[in-house]
Amino acid sequence: MSRDHRVWDRHAIMAELRRHRSSLAAVGRGVGLKRQTMYWALISPHLKANAAIADALGRQLCELWPDWFDEDGKLISKTPLPRPRLHAEPIPRGSSASSPRQSAA
């Protein structure tokens, strides 16, 4: 059987959970974790939460998060995923600050 080379980002993981008729909250309840912890596990490594998600999807930790876990399921990096940059450069201001309002006399 060939290995699935699918890229698993947080959106793909959540979509796959929905296809399995589940949610992060439901998976979290099953292992005694809060919903918010499960969402954070998609951004930053949390062994118990990540393992529960992988188990619910029938995947290995290293398949879903290859940057965080090795083939044995051991944590190799605690580096969270980088936040996406919306703009490459700062948006230039249209004009300088306006002058203060004149009081009506």
Protein backbone atom coordinates (compact mmCIF):
# COMPACT_ATOMS: atom_id res chain seq x y z
CA MET A 1 0.00 0.00 0.00
CA SER A 2 1.43 3.40 -0.94
CA ARG A 3 1.75 6.04 1.70
CA ASP A 4 -0.69 8.96 1.51
CA HIS A 5 1.31 12.16 0.88
CA ARG A 6 -1.54 14.46 1.79
CA VAL A 7 -0.68 17.76 3.46
CA TRP A 8 -2.49 17.96 6.78
CA ASP A 9 -3.15 21.51 7.92
CA ARG A 10 -5.65 22.42 10.65
CA HIS A 11 -8.44 22.94 8.13
CA ALA A 12 -7.91 19.53 6.54
CA ILE A 13 -7.86 17.87 9.98
CA MET A 14 -11.12 19.53 11.02
CA ALA A 15 -12.73 18.63 7.69
CA GLU A 16 -11.67 15.01 8.11
CA LEU A 17 -13.13 14.97 11.63
CA ARG A 18 -16.43 16.23 10.21
CA ARG A 19 -16.33 13.46 7.59
CA HIS A 20 -15.97 11.02 10.49
CA ARG A 21 -19.08 12.60 12.09
CA SER A 22 -17.02 14.00 14.94
CA SER A 23 -15.54 17.27 16.17
CA LEU A 24 -12.59 18.49 18.19
CA ALA A 25 -14.88 19.00 21.17
CA ALA A 26 -16.16 15.42 20.97
CA VAL A 27 -12.65 14.00 20.68
CA GLY A 28 -11.57 16.16 23.63
CA ARG A 29 -14.46 14.96 25.78
CA GLY A 30 -13.40 11.40 25.08
CA VAL A 31 -9.97 11.98 26.61
CA GLY A 32 -10.92 14.52 29.27
CA LEU A 33 -9.61 17.66 27.56
CA LYS A 34 -11.37 20.95 26.99
CA ARG A 35 -12.45 22.07 23.54
CA GLN A 36 -10.03 25.01 23.58
CA THR A 37 -7.11 22.69 24.35
CA MET A 38 -8.01 20.65 21.28
CA TYR A 39 -8.01 23.75 19.07
CA TRP A 40 -4.64 24.85 20.45
CA ALA A 41 -3.29 21.38 19.64
CA LEU A 42 -3.75 22.22 15.96
CA ILE A 43 -1.38 25.17 16.35
CA SER A 44 1.10 24.04 19.00
CA PRO A 45 2.06 20.48 20.02
CA HIS A 46 0.10 18.86 22.87
CA LEU A 47 0.84 15.14 23.00
CA LYS A 48 -2.41 13.95 24.60
CA ALA A 49 -4.63 16.10 22.38
CA ASN A 50 -2.68 15.38 19.19
CA ALA A 51 -2.71 11.65 19.93
CA ALA A 52 -6.49 11.72 20.47
CA ILE A 53 -7.03 13.51 17.14
CA ALA A 54 -4.75 11.09 15.30
CA ASP A 55 -6.54 8.13 16.89
CA ALA A 56 -9.96 9.52 15.92
CA LEU A 57 -8.79 9.83 12.31
CA GLY A 58 -6.98 6.49 12.25
CA ARG A 59 -3.66 8.18 11.42
CA GLN A 60 -0.24 8.35 13.04
CA LEU A 61 1.01 11.45 14.83
CA CYS A 62 3.96 11.76 12.44
CA GLU A 63 1.59 11.69 9.46
CA LEU A 64 -0.55 14.58 10.69
CA TRP A 65 2.26 16.60 12.29
CA PRO A 66 5.61 15.53 10.77
CA ASP A 67 7.36 18.65 12.11
CA TRP A 68 6.38 17.85 15.70
CA PHE A 69 6.43 14.05 16.08
CA ASP A 70 8.70 11.24 14.87
CA GLU A 71 7.69 7.75 13.67
CA ASP A 72 7.53 6.49 17.27
CA GLY A 73 5.15 9.27 18.32
CA LYS A 74 7.78 11.10 20.35
CA LEU A 75 7.87 14.89 20.40
CA ILE A 76 10.76 16.24 18.33
CA SER A 77 9.88 19.95 18.27
CA LYS A 78 7.77 22.29 20.38
CA THR A 79 7.81 25.02 17.75
CA PRO A 80 4.26 26.17 17.00
CA LEU A 81 3.10 26.65 13.44
CA PRO A 82 3.92 30.11 12.08
CA ARG A 83 1.08 32.58 11.85
CA PRO A 84 0.18 33.38 8.26
CA ARG A 85 1.24 36.82 7.12
CA LEU A 86 -1.61 38.68 5.49
CA HIS A 87 0.53 41.40 3.94
CA ALA A 88 4.12 41.15 2.79
CA GLU A 89 4.77 44.83 3.46
CA PRO A 90 3.18 47.35 5.78
CA ILE A 91 0.27 49.19 4.24
CA PRO A 92 1.35 52.77 3.47
CA ARG A 93 -0.66 55.57 5.00
CA GLY A 94 -2.56 57.74 2.59
CA SER A 95 -1.50 61.02 4.17
CA SER A 96 0.15 62.39 7.26
CA ALA A 97 -1.82 62.92 10.43
CA SER A 98 -4.55 65.50 10.06
CA SER A 99 -4.35 68.79 11.87
CA PRO A 100 -6.32 69.17 15.10
CA ARG A 101 -9.85 70.43 14.79
CA GLN A 102 -10.48 74.11 15.19
CA SER A 103 -12.89 74.85 18.00
CA ALA A 104 -15.97 76.77 16.97
CA ALA A 105 -15.91 80.21 18.57
